[in-house]
Amino acid sequence: HTIQPVGAYPPSPLGIYDLNANATEWIYDWYDETYYQSSEKTNPKGPPSGQEKVMRGGANYNSAGANTTLHRESRPPKSKHYQEYISFRCSGS
């Protein structure tokens, strides 16, 4: 599978491009497996600290079940090796 250029896929109904299927994206939030069980329902900010950061979405290498914006995993923010299918998204708050 190959990484596609930005905008290669049509936007979501909200007009947002490239939400999934091109690269898994780093998220600002720290990872906590149980965080959403007791978090705010609207715009949860994530726990104040942690060991790993959240990664969302799926890349071309993922199975169809993982190629969704609901898919969530974690990785340490520092690594000796980074893969081309891991990306990030800049957004305003």
PDB file of N, CA and C in Angstrom:
ATOM      1  N   HIS A   1       0.845  -1.182   0.000  1.00  0.00           N
ATOM      2  CA  HIS A   1       0.000   0.000   0.000  1.00  0.00           C
ATOM      3  C   HIS A   1       0.886   1.239   0.000  1.00  0.00           C
ATOM      4  N   THR A   2       0.380   2.303  -0.584  1.00  0.00           N
ATOM      5  CA  THR A   2       1.155   3.538  -0.637  1.00  0.00           C
ATOM      6  C   THR A   2       0.405   4.670   0.040  1.00  0.00           C
ATOM      7  N   ILE A   3       1.159   5.623   0.553  1.00  0.00           N
ATOM      8  CA  ILE A   3       0.579   6.823   1.146  1.00  0.00           C
ATOM      9  C   ILE A   3       0.107   7.720   0.009  1.00  0.00           C
ATOM     10  N   GLN A   4      -1.100   8.231   0.136  1.00  0.00           N
ATOM     11  CA  GLN A   4      -1.682   9.092  -0.885  1.00  0.00           C
ATOM     12  C   GLN A   4      -1.462  10.568  -0.536  1.00  0.00           C
ATOM     13  N   PRO A   5      -1.434  11.446  -1.534  1.00  0.00           N
ATOM     14  CA  PRO A   5      -1.284  12.878  -1.237  1.00  0.00           C
ATOM     15  C   PRO A   5      -2.514  13.416  -0.509  1.00  0.00           C
ATOM     16  N   VAL A   6      -2.330  14.477   0.235  1.00  0.00           N
ATOM     17  CA  VAL A   6      -3.432  15.119   0.963  1.00  0.00           C
ATOM     18  C   VAL A   6      -4.530  15.482  -0.029  1.00  0.00           C
ATOM     19  N   GLY A   7      -5.777  15.198   0.333  1.00  0.00           N
ATOM     20  CA  GLY A   7      -6.918  15.515  -0.513  1.00  0.00           C
ATOM     21  C   GLY A   7      -7.203  14.481  -1.591  1.00  0.00           C
ATOM     22  N   ALA A   8      -6.541  13.330  -1.548  1.00  0.00           N
ATOM     23  CA  ALA A   8      -6.762  12.294  -2.561  1.00  0.00           C
ATOM     24  C   ALA A   8      -8.135  11.642  -2.423  1.00  0.00           C
ATOM     25  N   TYR A   9      -8.714  11.698  -1.247  1.00  0.00           N
ATOM     26  CA  TYR A   9     -10.032  11.118  -0.997  1.00  0.00           C
ATOM     27  C   TYR A   9     -11.039  12.242  -0.818  1.00  0.00           C
ATOM     28  N   PRO A  10     -12.316  11.998  -1.086  1.00  0.00           N
ATOM     29  CA  PRO A  10     -13.322  13.049  -0.896  1.00  0.00           C
ATOM     30  C   PRO A  10     -13.467  13.412   0.586  1.00  0.00           C
ATOM     31  N   PRO A  11     -13.953  14.622   0.882  1.00  0.00           N
ATOM     32  CA  PRO A  11     -14.116  15.030   2.282  1.00  0.00           C
ATOM     33  C   PRO A  11     -15.285  14.315   2.952  1.00  0.00           C
ATOM     34  N   SER A  12     -15.288  14.355   4.280  1.00  0.00           N
ATOM     35  CA  SER A  12     -16.417  13.823   5.048  1.00  0.00           C
ATOM     36  C   SER A  12     -17.615  14.748   4.858  1.00  0.00           C
ATOM     37  N   PRO A  13     -18.798  14.364   5.339  1.00  0.00           N
ATOM     38  CA  PRO A  13     -19.955  15.256   5.246  1.00  0.00           C
ATOM     39  C   PRO A  13     -19.728  16.610   5.928  1.00  0.00           C
ATOM     40  N   LEU A  14     -18.765  16.679   6.857  1.00  0.00           N
ATOM     41  CA  LEU A  14     -18.450  17.948   7.519  1.00  0.00           C
ATOM     42  C   LEU A  14     -17.394  18.754   6.759  1.00  0.00           C
ATOM     43  N   GLY A  15     -16.923  18.227   5.635  1.00  0.00           N
ATOM     44  CA  GLY A  15     -15.932  18.933   4.836  1.00  0.00           C
ATOM     45  C   GLY A  15     -14.501  18.718   5.295  1.00  0.00           C
ATOM     46  N   ILE A  16     -14.255  17.675   6.094  1.00  0.00           N
ATOM     47  CA  ILE A  16     -12.919  17.390   6.610  1.00  0.00           C
ATOM     48  C   ILE A  16     -12.274  16.326   5.732  1.00  0.00           C
ATOM     49  N   TYR A  17     -11.067  16.603   5.288  1.00  0.00           N
ATOM     50  CA  TYR A  17     -10.358  15.679   4.413  1.00  0.00           C
ATOM     51  C   TYR A  17      -9.477  14.710   5.201  1.00  0.00           C
ATOM     52  N   ASP A  18      -9.295  13.527   4.630  1.00  0.00           N
ATOM     53  CA  ASP A  18      -8.286  12.562   5.075  1.00  0.00           C
ATOM     54  C   ASP A  18      -8.410  12.151   6.543  1.00  0.00           C
ATOM     55  N   LEU A  19      -9.627  11.829   6.986  1.00  0.00           N
ATOM     56  CA  LEU A  19      -9.815  11.408   8.377  1.00  0.00           C
ATOM     57  C   LEU A  19      -9.273  10.014   8.652  1.00  0.00           C
ATOM     58  N   ASN A  20      -9.274   9.145   7.687  1.00  0.00           N
ATOM     59  CA  ASN A  20      -8.707   7.815   7.891  1.00  0.00           C
ATOM     60  C   ASN A  20      -8.375   7.178   6.558  1.00  0.00           C
ATOM     61  N   ALA A  21      -7.709   6.038   6.633  1.00  0.00           N
ATOM     62  CA  ALA A  21      -7.347   5.196   5.492  1.00  0.00           C
ATOM     63  C   ALA A  21      -6.069   5.634   4.799  1.00  0.00           C
ATOM     64  N   ASN A  22      -5.444   6.708   5.220  1.00  0.00           N
ATOM     65  CA  ASN A  22      -4.187   7.110   4.605  1.00  0.00           C
ATOM     66  C   ASN A  22      -3.037   6.948   5.590  1.00  0.00           C
ATOM     67  N   ALA A  23      -3.230   7.394   6.799  1.00  0.00           N
ATOM     68  CA  ALA A  23      -2.187   7.277   7.812  1.00  0.00           C
ATOM     69  C   ALA A  23      -2.834   7.319   9.193  1.00  0.00           C
ATOM     70  N   THR A  24      -2.289   6.558  10.117  1.00  0.00           N
ATOM     71  CA  THR A  24      -2.704   6.639  11.510  1.00  0.00           C
ATOM     72  C   THR A  24      -2.156   7.950  12.058  1.00  0.00           C
ATOM     73  N   GLU A  25      -2.947   8.671  12.856  1.00  0.00           N
ATOM     74  CA  GLU A  25      -2.530  10.002  13.306  1.00  0.00           C
ATOM     75  C   GLU A  25      -2.290  10.060  14.800  1.00  0.00           C
ATOM     76  N   TRP A  26      -1.197  10.732  15.167  1.00  0.00           N
ATOM     77  CA  TRP A  26      -0.925  11.043  16.571  1.00  0.00           C
ATOM     78  C   TRP A  26      -1.966  12.034  17.051  1.00  0.00           C
ATOM     79  N   ILE A  27      -2.412  11.865  18.272  1.00  0.00           N
ATOM     80  CA  ILE A  27      -3.361  12.778  18.895  1.00  0.00           C
ATOM     81  C   ILE A  27      -2.688  13.400  20.114  1.00  0.00           C
ATOM     82  N   TYR A  28      -3.051  14.616  20.454  1.00  0.00           N
ATOM     83  CA  TYR A  28      -2.461  15.334  21.573  1.00  0.00           C
ATOM     84  C   TYR A  28      -2.687  14.624  22.916  1.00  0.00           C
ATOM     85  N   ASP A  29      -3.813  13.935  23.053  1.00  0.00           N
ATOM     86  CA  ASP A  29      -4.196  13.326  24.336  1.00  0.00           C
ATOM     87  C   ASP A  29      -3.251  12.208  24.766  1.00  0.00           C
ATOM     88  N   TRP A  30      -3.061  12.112  26.083  1.00  0.00           N
ATOM     89  CA  TRP A  30      -2.394  10.953  26.665  1.00  0.00           C
ATOM     90  C   TRP A  30      -3.371   9.791  26.629  1.00  0.00           C
ATOM     91  N   TYR A  31      -2.854   8.581  26.548  1.00  0.00           N
ATOM     92  CA  TYR A  31      -3.691   7.386  26.456  1.00  0.00           C
ATOM     93  C   TYR A  31      -4.037   6.844  27.836  1.00  0.00           C
ATOM     94  N   ASP A  32      -5.285   6.505  28.017  1.00  0.00           N
ATOM     95  CA  ASP A  32      -5.766   5.805  29.199  1.00  0.00           C
ATOM     96  C   ASP A  32      -6.905   4.912  28.716  1.00  0.00           C
ATOM     97  N   GLU A  33      -6.717   3.618  28.812  1.00  0.00           N
ATOM     98  CA  GLU A  33      -7.680   2.667  28.270  1.00  0.00           C
ATOM     99  C   GLU A  33      -9.095   2.882  28.799  1.00  0.00           C
ATOM    100  N   THR A  34      -9.242   3.327  30.033  1.00  0.00           N
ATOM    101  CA  THR A  34     -10.568   3.483  30.643  1.00  0.00           C
ATOM    102  C   THR A  34     -11.036   4.941  30.719  1.00  0.00           C
ATOM    103  N   TYR A  35     -10.306   5.868  30.130  1.00  0.00           N
ATOM    104  CA  TYR A  35     -10.618   7.296  30.259  1.00  0.00           C
ATOM    105  C   TYR A  35     -12.048   7.631  29.846  1.00  0.00           C
ATOM    106  N   TYR A  36     -12.517   7.117  28.724  1.00  0.00           N
ATOM    107  CA  TYR A  36     -13.833   7.499  28.217  1.00  0.00           C
ATOM    108  C   TYR A  36     -14.987   6.962  29.059  1.00  0.00           C
ATOM    109  N   GLN A  37     -14.727   6.047  29.967  1.00  0.00           N
ATOM    110  CA  GLN A  37     -15.790   5.545  30.841  1.00  0.00           C
ATOM    111  C   GLN A  37     -16.245   6.601  31.848  1.00  0.00           C
ATOM    112  N   SER A  38     -15.374   7.577  32.164  1.00  0.00           N
ATOM    113  CA  SER A  38     -15.748   8.603  33.145  1.00  0.00           C
ATOM    114  C   SER A  38     -15.437  10.020  32.664  1.00  0.00           C
ATOM    115  N   SER A  39     -15.161  10.204  31.379  1.00  0.00           N
ATOM    116  CA  SER A  39     -14.794  11.522  30.861  1.00  0.00           C
ATOM    117  C   SER A  39     -16.019  12.377  30.551  1.00  0.00           C
ATOM    118  N   GLU A  40     -15.749  13.641  30.215  1.00  0.00           N
ATOM    119  CA  GLU A  40     -16.807  14.523  29.751  1.00  0.00           C
ATOM    120  C   GLU A  40     -17.391  13.934  28.468  1.00  0.00           C
ATOM    121  N   LYS A  41     -18.646  14.167  28.225  1.00  0.00           N
ATOM    122  CA  LYS A  41     -19.290  13.629  27.017  1.00  0.00           C
ATOM    123  C   LYS A  41     -18.987  14.487  25.791  1.00  0.00           C
ATOM    124  N   THR A  42     -18.762  15.782  25.994  1.00  0.00           N
ATOM    125  CA  THR A  42     -18.482  16.698  24.896  1.00  0.00           C
ATOM    126  C   THR A  42     -17.033  17.157  24.959  1.00  0.00           C
ATOM    127  N   ASN A  43     -16.293  16.927  23.897  1.00  0.00           N
ATOM    128  CA  ASN A  43     -14.907  17.361  23.745  1.00  0.00           C
ATOM    129  C   ASN A  43     -14.011  16.965  24.923  1.00  0.00           C
ATOM    130  N   PRO A  44     -13.914  15.679  25.222  1.00  0.00           N
ATOM    131  CA  PRO A  44     -13.029  15.262  26.321  1.00  0.00           C
ATOM    132  C   PRO A  44     -11.579  15.605  25.991  1.00  0.00           C
ATOM    133  N   LYS A  45     -10.834  16.043  26.969  1.00  0.00           N
ATOM    134  CA  LYS A  45      -9.456  16.513  26.768  1.00  0.00           C
ATOM    135  C   LYS A  45      -8.404  15.445  27.012  1.00  0.00           C
ATOM    136  N   GLY A  46      -8.792  14.304  27.513  1.00  0.00           N
ATOM    137  CA  GLY A  46      -7.806  13.270  27.817  1.00  0.00           C
ATOM    138  C   GLY A  46      -7.222  13.469  29.198  1.00  0.00           C
ATOM    139  N   PRO A  47      -6.558  12.448  29.729  1.00  0.00           N
ATOM    140  CA  PRO A  47      -5.971  12.556  31.066  1.00  0.00           C
ATOM    141  C   PRO A  47      -4.833  13.585  31.081  1.00  0.00           C
ATOM    142  N   PRO A  48      -4.509  14.147  32.239  1.00  0.00           N
ATOM    143  CA  PRO A  48      -3.472  15.190  32.312  1.00  0.00           C
ATOM    144  C   PRO A  48      -2.053  14.688  32.058  1.00  0.00           C
ATOM    145  N   SER A  49      -1.807  13.389  32.180  1.00  0.00           N
ATOM    146  CA  SER A  49      -0.465  12.855  31.944  1.00  0.00           C
ATOM    147  C   SER A  49      -0.566  11.385  31.580  1.00  0.00           C
ATOM    148  N   GLY A  50       0.547  10.803  31.202  1.00  0.00           N
ATOM    149  CA  GLY A  50       0.565   9.393  30.852  1.00  0.00           C
ATOM    150  C   GLY A  50       1.911   8.988  30.283  1.00  0.00           C
ATOM    151  N   GLN A  51       1.997   7.761  29.850  1.00  0.00           N
ATOM    152  CA  GLN A  51       3.226   7.225  29.266  1.00  0.00           C
ATOM    153  C   GLN A  51       3.160   7.157  27.741  1.00  0.00           C
ATOM    154  N   GLU A  52       1.944   7.037  27.191  1.00  0.00           N
ATOM    155  CA  GLU A  52       1.774   6.901  25.750  1.00  0.00           C
ATOM    156  C   GLU A  52       0.735   7.887  25.250  1.00  0.00           C
ATOM    157  N   LYS A  53       0.860   8.258  23.983  1.00  0.00           N
ATOM    158  CA  LYS A  53      -0.096   9.155  23.344  1.00  0.00           C
ATOM    159  C   LYS A  53      -1.091   8.346  22.513  1.00  0.00           C
ATOM    160  N   VAL A  54      -2.268   8.916  22.316  1.00  0.00           N
ATOM    161  CA  VAL A  54      -3.320   8.270  21.523  1.00  0.00           C
ATOM    162  C   VAL A  54      -2.974   8.382  20.041  1.00  0.00           C
ATOM    163  N   MET A  55      -3.292   7.327  19.325  1.00  0.00           N
ATOM    164  CA  MET A  55      -3.223   7.324  17.867  1.00  0.00           C
ATOM    165  C   MET A  55      -4.601   6.907  17.376  1.00  0.00           C
ATOM    166  N   ARG A  56      -5.117   7.602  16.367  1.00  0.00           N
ATOM    167  CA  ARG A  56      -6.456   7.318  15.856  1.00  0.00           C
ATOM    168  C   ARG A  56      -6.431   7.084  14.358  1.00  0.00           C
ATOM    169  N   GLY A  57      -7.505   6.469  13.913  1.00  0.00           N
ATOM    170  CA  GLY A  57      -7.674   6.232  12.491  1.00  0.00           C
ATOM    171  C   GLY A  57      -6.938   4.993  12.041  1.00  0.00           C
ATOM    172  N   GLY A  58      -6.856   4.827  10.769  1.00  0.00           N
ATOM    173  CA  GLY A  58      -6.178   3.671  10.216  1.00  0.00           C
ATOM    174  C   GLY A  58      -5.373   4.057   8.996  1.00  0.00           C
ATOM    175  N   ALA A  59      -4.381   3.279   8.717  1.00  0.00           N
ATOM    176  CA  ALA A  59      -3.543   3.506   7.552  1.00  0.00           C
ATOM    177  C   ALA A  59      -3.830   2.433   6.507  1.00  0.00           C
ATOM    178  N   ASN A  60      -3.211   2.567   5.371  1.00  0.00           N
ATOM    179  CA  ASN A  60      -3.418   1.604   4.287  1.00  0.00           C
ATOM    180  C   ASN A  60      -3.055   0.181   4.684  1.00  0.00           C
ATOM    181  N   TYR A  61      -2.175   0.022   5.656  1.00  0.00           N
ATOM    182  CA  TYR A  61      -1.759  -1.312   6.067  1.00  0.00           C
ATOM    183  C   TYR A  61      -2.775  -1.983   6.993  1.00  0.00           C
ATOM    184  N   ASN A  62      -3.706  -1.208   7.588  1.00  0.00           N
ATOM    185  CA  ASN A  62      -4.664  -1.750   8.545  1.00  0.00           C
ATOM    186  C   ASN A  62      -5.737  -2.596   7.875  1.00  0.00           C
ATOM    187  N   SER A  63      -6.350  -3.440   8.685  1.00  0.00           N
ATOM    188  CA  SER A  63      -7.510  -4.181   8.216  1.00  0.00           C
ATOM    189  C   SER A  63      -8.701  -3.225   8.122  1.00  0.00           C
ATOM    190  N   ALA A  64      -9.745  -3.635   7.447  1.00  0.00           N
ATOM    191  CA  ALA A  64     -10.923  -2.780   7.287  1.00  0.00           C
ATOM    192  C   ALA A  64     -11.514  -2.386   8.638  1.00  0.00           C
ATOM    193  N   GLY A  65     -11.496  -3.278   9.621  1.00  0.00           N
ATOM    194  CA  GLY A  65     -12.056  -2.974  10.938  1.00  0.00           C
ATOM    195  C   GLY A  65     -11.296  -1.897  11.685  1.00  0.00           C
ATOM    196  N   ALA A  66     -10.018  -1.735  11.393  1.00  0.00           N
ATOM    197  CA  ALA A  66      -9.215  -0.717  12.060  1.00  0.00           C
ATOM    198  C   ALA A  66      -9.177   0.582  11.262  1.00  0.00           C
ATOM    199  N   ASN A  67      -9.684   0.562  10.050  1.00  0.00           N
ATOM    200  CA  ASN A  67      -9.658   1.755   9.214  1.00  0.00           C
ATOM    201  C   ASN A  67     -10.878   2.624   9.471  1.00  0.00           C
ATOM    202  N   THR A  68     -10.949   3.169  10.664  1.00  0.00           N
ATOM    203  CA  THR A  68     -12.051   4.028  11.073  1.00  0.00           C
ATOM    204  C   THR A  68     -11.537   5.046  12.075  1.00  0.00           C
ATOM    205  N   THR A  69     -12.170   6.200  12.131  1.00  0.00           N
ATOM    206  CA  THR A  69     -11.751   7.219  13.098  1.00  0.00           C
ATOM    207  C   THR A  69     -12.037   6.784  14.530  1.00  0.00           C
ATOM    208  N   LEU A  70     -12.848   5.743  14.715  1.00  0.00           N
ATOM    209  CA  LEU A  70     -13.128   5.241  16.060  1.00  0.00           C
ATOM    210  C   LEU A  70     -12.016   4.340  16.587  1.00  0.00           C
ATOM    211  N   HIS A  71     -11.179   3.835  15.696  1.00  0.00           N
ATOM    212  CA  HIS A  71     -10.069   2.970  16.105  1.00  0.00           C
ATOM    213  C   HIS A  71      -9.073   3.800  16.912  1.00  0.00           C
ATOM    214  N   ARG A  72      -8.682   3.277  18.078  1.00  0.00           N
ATOM    215  CA  ARG A  72      -7.773   4.006  18.962  1.00  0.00           C
ATOM    216  C   ARG A  72      -6.740   3.044  19.513  1.00  0.00           C
ATOM    217  N   GLU A  73      -5.476   3.459  19.447  1.00  0.00           N
ATOM    218  CA  GLU A  73      -4.391   2.684  20.031  1.00  0.00           C
ATOM    219  C   GLU A  73      -3.414   3.667  20.659  1.00  0.00           C
ATOM    220  N   SER A  74      -2.300   3.163  21.157  1.00  0.00           N
ATOM    221  CA  SER A  74      -1.347   4.065  21.797  1.00  0.00           C
ATOM    222  C   SER A  74       0.080   3.672  21.460  1.00  0.00           C
ATOM    223  N   ARG A  75       0.949   4.645  21.551  1.00  0.00           N
ATOM    224  CA  ARG A  75       2.386   4.434  21.350  1.00  0.00           C
ATOM    225  C   ARG A  75       3.141   5.458  22.195  1.00  0.00           C
ATOM    226  N   PRO A  76       4.358   5.110  22.607  1.00  0.00           N
ATOM    227  CA  PRO A  76       5.178   6.102  23.317  1.00  0.00           C
ATOM    228  C   PRO A  76       5.482   7.277  22.375  1.00  0.00           C
ATOM    229  N   PRO A  77       5.487   8.510  22.881  1.00  0.00           N
ATOM    230  CA  PRO A  77       5.740   9.659  22.010  1.00  0.00           C
ATOM    231  C   PRO A  77       7.187   9.747  21.515  1.00  0.00           C
ATOM    232  N   LYS A  78       8.100   9.032  22.147  1.00  0.00           N
ATOM    233  CA  LYS A  78       9.490   9.019  21.694  1.00  0.00           C
ATOM    234  C   LYS A  78       9.843   7.613  21.241  1.00  0.00           C
ATOM    235  N   SER A  79      10.470   7.528  20.082  1.00  0.00           N
ATOM    236  CA  SER A  79      10.829   6.232  19.533  1.00  0.00           C
ATOM    237  C   SER A  79      12.087   6.374  18.688  1.00  0.00           C
ATOM    238  N   LYS A  80      12.835   5.302  18.575  1.00  0.00           N
ATOM    239  CA  LYS A  80      13.999   5.298  17.689  1.00  0.00           C
ATOM    240  C   LYS A  80      13.561   5.149  16.238  1.00  0.00           C
ATOM    241  N   HIS A  81      12.353   4.603  16.029  1.00  0.00           N
ATOM    242  CA  HIS A  81      11.889   4.328  14.681  1.00  0.00           C
ATOM    243  C   HIS A  81      10.464   4.845  14.500  1.00  0.00           C
ATOM    244  N   TYR A  82      10.231   5.533  13.405  1.00  0.00           N
ATOM    245  CA  TYR A  82       8.893   5.995  13.045  1.00  0.00           C
ATOM    246  C   TYR A  82       8.578   5.455  11.657  1.00  0.00           C
ATOM    247  N   GLN A  83       7.329   5.130  11.424  1.00  0.00           N
ATOM    248  CA  GLN A  83       6.922   4.577  10.141  1.00  0.00           C
ATOM    249  C   GLN A  83       6.230   5.646   9.308  1.00  0.00           C
ATOM    250  N   GLU A  84       6.281   5.476   7.995  1.00  0.00           N
ATOM    251  CA  GLU A  84       5.694   6.469   7.092  1.00  0.00           C
ATOM    252  C   GLU A  84       4.174   6.511   7.177  1.00  0.00           C
ATOM    253  N   TYR A  85       3.555   5.496   7.737  1.00  0.00           N
ATOM    254  CA  TYR A  85       2.094   5.482   7.840  1.00  0.00           C
ATOM    255  C   TYR A  85       1.588   6.144   9.116  1.00  0.00           C
ATOM    256  N   ILE A  86       2.486   6.745   9.903  1.00  0.00           N
ATOM    257  CA  ILE A  86       2.073   7.475  11.107  1.00  0.00           C
ATOM    258  C   ILE A  86       2.210   8.958  10.834  1.00  0.00           C
ATOM    259  N   SER A  87       1.168   9.694  11.079  1.00  0.00           N
ATOM    260  CA  SER A  87       1.112  11.113  10.735  1.00  0.00           C
ATOM    261  C   SER A  87       0.571  11.906  11.922  1.00  0.00           C
ATOM    262  N   PHE A  88       0.257  13.160  11.716  1.00  0.00           N
ATOM    263  CA  PHE A  88      -0.401  13.987  12.705  1.00  0.00           C
ATOM    264  C   PHE A  88      -1.251  15.001  11.986  1.00  0.00           C
ATOM    265  N   ARG A  89      -2.183  15.595  12.715  1.00  0.00           N
ATOM    266  CA  ARG A  89      -3.085  16.589  12.133  1.00  0.00           C
ATOM    267  C   ARG A  89      -3.034  17.838  12.995  1.00  0.00           C
ATOM    268  N   CYS A  90      -2.821  18.981  12.380  1.00  0.00           N
ATOM    269  CA  CYS A  90      -2.863  20.267  13.088  1.00  0.00           C
ATOM    270  C   CYS A  90      -4.297  20.781  13.041  1.00  0.00           C
ATOM    271  N   SER A  91      -4.792  21.196  14.181  1.00  0.00           N
ATOM    272  CA  SER A  91      -6.157  21.745  14.197  1.00  0.00           C
ATOM    273  C   SER A  91      -6.265  22.764  15.306  1.00  0.00           C
ATOM    274  N   GLY A  92      -7.196  23.674  15.171  1.00  0.00           N
ATOM    275  CA  GLY A  92      -7.466  24.674  16.190  1.00  0.00           C
ATOM    276  C   GLY A  92      -8.409  24.112  17.223  1.00  0.00           C
ATOM    277  N   SER A  93      -8.447  24.739  18.373  1.00  0.00           N
ATOM    278  CA  SER A  93      -9.369  24.254  19.404  1.00  0.00           C
ATOM    279  C   SER A  93     -10.447  25.252  19.672  1.00  0.00           C
TER     280      SER A  93
END
